[in-house]
Amino acid sequence: MPLLPLAALFGLVTFVCAAFLLVHAFRRSVGTGMMVLLIPFYILFYAFSQFEHPRKNLILAGFFGCSLLAAVFLGIGAHGLSMLTFGMPPEY
């Protein structure tokens, strides 16, 4: 099973969950939205301390879980692609 399309799928889910967080932050205030958008790791603080949504648990699980899975599948898929590029057979 190709892993790069799975990485893209999980990346898309992460993007949708991040959009929920970003829209909520901008509705709170423009300054908060800009901090979530521009300051690295501020989205983590905002997600756990100020984000209030009826489906908060599902959105945060989707954001963190899918970003981790996207990174893992992207790394494994890129490694397999580089092995094929250099003519080495993939190891299963």
C-alpha atoms as a PDB file:
ATOM      1  CA  MET A   1       0.000   0.000   0.000  1.00  0.00           C
ATOM      2  CA  PRO A   2       1.482   3.361  -0.953  1.00  0.00           C
ATOM      3  CA  LEU A   3       2.169   5.472   2.082  1.00  0.00           C
ATOM      4  CA  LEU A   4       2.441   8.920   0.509  1.00  0.00           C
ATOM      5  CA  PRO A   5      -1.304   9.150  -0.288  1.00  0.00           C
ATOM      6  CA  LEU A   6      -2.017   8.154   3.327  1.00  0.00           C
ATOM      7  CA  ALA A   7       0.291  10.932   4.483  1.00  0.00           C
ATOM      8  CA  ALA A   8      -1.592  13.370   2.260  1.00  0.00           C
ATOM      9  CA  LEU A   9      -4.939  12.195   3.660  1.00  0.00           C
ATOM     10  CA  PHE A  10      -3.805  12.603   7.268  1.00  0.00           C
ATOM     11  CA  GLY A  11      -2.284  15.967   6.370  1.00  0.00           C
ATOM     12  CA  LEU A  12      -5.638  17.076   4.988  1.00  0.00           C
ATOM     13  CA  VAL A  13      -7.416  16.060   8.201  1.00  0.00           C
ATOM     14  CA  THR A  14      -4.778  17.955  10.196  1.00  0.00           C
ATOM     15  CA  PHE A  15      -5.329  21.020   8.007  1.00  0.00           C
ATOM     16  CA  VAL A  16      -9.106  20.924   8.566  1.00  0.00           C
ATOM     17  CA  CYS A  17      -8.686  20.608  12.342  1.00  0.00           C
ATOM     18  CA  ALA A  18      -6.140  23.446  12.346  1.00  0.00           C
ATOM     19  CA  ALA A  19      -8.621  25.563  10.385  1.00  0.00           C
ATOM     20  CA  PHE A  20     -11.190  25.052  13.174  1.00  0.00           C
ATOM     21  CA  LEU A  21      -8.634  26.247  15.724  1.00  0.00           C
ATOM     22  CA  LEU A  22      -7.577  29.214  13.615  1.00  0.00           C
ATOM     23  CA  VAL A  23     -11.127  30.381  12.879  1.00  0.00           C
ATOM     24  CA  HIS A  24     -11.983  30.148  16.575  1.00  0.00           C
ATOM     25  CA  ALA A  25      -8.886  32.165  17.475  1.00  0.00           C
ATOM     26  CA  PHE A  26      -9.705  34.915  14.972  1.00  0.00           C
ATOM     27  CA  ARG A  27     -13.290  35.072  16.230  1.00  0.00           C
ATOM     28  CA  ARG A  28     -11.920  35.625  19.714  1.00  0.00           C
ATOM     29  CA  SER A  29      -9.708  38.521  18.576  1.00  0.00           C
ATOM     30  CA  VAL A  30      -7.441  39.441  15.699  1.00  0.00           C
ATOM     31  CA  GLY A  31      -4.417  39.470  18.001  1.00  0.00           C
ATOM     32  CA  THR A  32      -5.079  35.959  19.245  1.00  0.00           C
ATOM     33  CA  GLY A  33      -5.615  34.747  15.707  1.00  0.00           C
ATOM     34  CA  MET A  34      -2.353  36.280  14.555  1.00  0.00           C
ATOM     35  CA  MET A  35      -0.490  34.709  17.481  1.00  0.00           C
ATOM     36  CA  VAL A  36      -1.945  31.274  16.674  1.00  0.00           C
ATOM     37  CA  LEU A  37      -1.038  31.765  13.026  1.00  0.00           C
ATOM     38  CA  LEU A  38       2.478  33.172  13.414  1.00  0.00           C
ATOM     39  CA  ILE A  39       4.021  32.083  16.728  1.00  0.00           C
ATOM     40  CA  PRO A  40       5.332  28.517  16.672  1.00  0.00           C
ATOM     41  CA  PHE A  41       3.754  26.213  19.264  1.00  0.00           C
ATOM     42  CA  TYR A  42       1.282  28.861  20.450  1.00  0.00           C
ATOM     43  CA  ILE A  43      -1.443  26.776  18.831  1.00  0.00           C
ATOM     44  CA  LEU A  44      -0.702  24.071  21.430  1.00  0.00           C
ATOM     45  CA  PHE A  45      -1.208  26.505  24.297  1.00  0.00           C
ATOM     46  CA  TYR A  46      -4.329  27.948  22.704  1.00  0.00           C
ATOM     47  CA  ALA A  47      -5.819  24.534  21.936  1.00  0.00           C
ATOM     48  CA  PHE A  48      -5.668  23.367  25.548  1.00  0.00           C
ATOM     49  CA  SER A  49      -6.291  26.593  27.434  1.00  0.00           C
ATOM     50  CA  GLN A  50      -8.662  28.825  25.431  1.00  0.00           C
ATOM     51  CA  PHE A  51     -10.277  26.727  22.688  1.00  0.00           C
ATOM     52  CA  GLU A  52     -13.909  25.994  23.543  1.00  0.00           C
ATOM     53  CA  HIS A  53     -15.993  23.940  21.145  1.00  0.00           C
ATOM     54  CA  PRO A  54     -18.610  21.220  21.633  1.00  0.00           C
ATOM     55  CA  ARG A  55     -16.351  18.777  19.788  1.00  0.00           C
ATOM     56  CA  LYS A  56     -13.068  19.958  21.296  1.00  0.00           C
ATOM     57  CA  ASN A  57     -11.818  16.452  22.086  1.00  0.00           C
ATOM     58  CA  LEU A  58     -12.431  15.196  18.558  1.00  0.00           C
ATOM     59  CA  ILE A  59     -10.823  18.248  16.933  1.00  0.00           C
ATOM     60  CA  LEU A  60      -7.725  18.102  19.141  1.00  0.00           C
ATOM     61  CA  ALA A  61      -7.361  14.340  18.684  1.00  0.00           C
ATOM     62  CA  GLY A  62      -7.671  14.790  14.932  1.00  0.00           C
ATOM     63  CA  PHE A  63      -5.146  17.605  14.914  1.00  0.00           C
ATOM     64  CA  PHE A  64      -2.460  15.952  17.030  1.00  0.00           C
ATOM     65  CA  GLY A  65      -3.023  12.344  16.010  1.00  0.00           C
ATOM     66  CA  CYS A  66      -3.264  12.972  12.294  1.00  0.00           C
ATOM     67  CA  SER A  67      -0.268  15.306  12.284  1.00  0.00           C
ATOM     68  CA  LEU A  68       1.794  12.587  13.935  1.00  0.00           C
ATOM     69  CA  LEU A  69       0.545   9.925  11.514  1.00  0.00           C
ATOM     70  CA  ALA A  70       1.147  12.212   8.533  1.00  0.00           C
ATOM     71  CA  ALA A  71       4.734  12.797   9.636  1.00  0.00           C
ATOM     72  CA  VAL A  72       5.390   9.082  10.142  1.00  0.00           C
ATOM     73  CA  PHE A  73       3.852   8.023   6.817  1.00  0.00           C
ATOM     74  CA  LEU A  74       5.609  10.869   4.994  1.00  0.00           C
ATOM     75  CA  GLY A  75       8.956   9.812   6.422  1.00  0.00           C
ATOM     76  CA  ILE A  76       8.485   6.131   5.636  1.00  0.00           C
ATOM     77  CA  GLY A  77       7.081   6.886   2.177  1.00  0.00           C
ATOM     78  CA  ALA A  78       9.915   9.273   1.337  1.00  0.00           C
ATOM     79  CA  HIS A  79      12.447   6.685   2.486  1.00  0.00           C
ATOM     80  CA  GLY A  80      10.861   4.036   0.264  1.00  0.00           C
ATOM     81  CA  LEU A  81      10.782   6.454  -2.658  1.00  0.00           C
ATOM     82  CA  SER A  82      14.462   7.282  -2.218  1.00  0.00           C
ATOM     83  CA  MET A  83      15.314   3.576  -2.089  1.00  0.00           C
ATOM     84  CA  LEU A  84      13.513   3.044  -5.400  1.00  0.00           C
ATOM     85  CA  THR A  85      15.276   6.066  -6.889  1.00  0.00           C
ATOM     86  CA  PHE A  86      18.693   4.610  -6.124  1.00  0.00           C
ATOM     87  CA  GLY A  87      17.720   1.193  -7.494  1.00  0.00           C
ATOM     88  CA  MET A  88      17.496  -0.671  -4.204  1.00  0.00           C
ATOM     89  CA  PRO A  89      14.512  -2.975  -3.731  1.00  0.00           C
ATOM     90  CA  PRO A  90      12.139  -2.020  -0.914  1.00  0.00           C
ATOM     91  CA  GLU A  91      12.388  -4.018   2.287  1.00  0.00           C
ATOM     92  CA  TYR A  92       9.132  -5.463   3.581  1.00  0.00           C
END
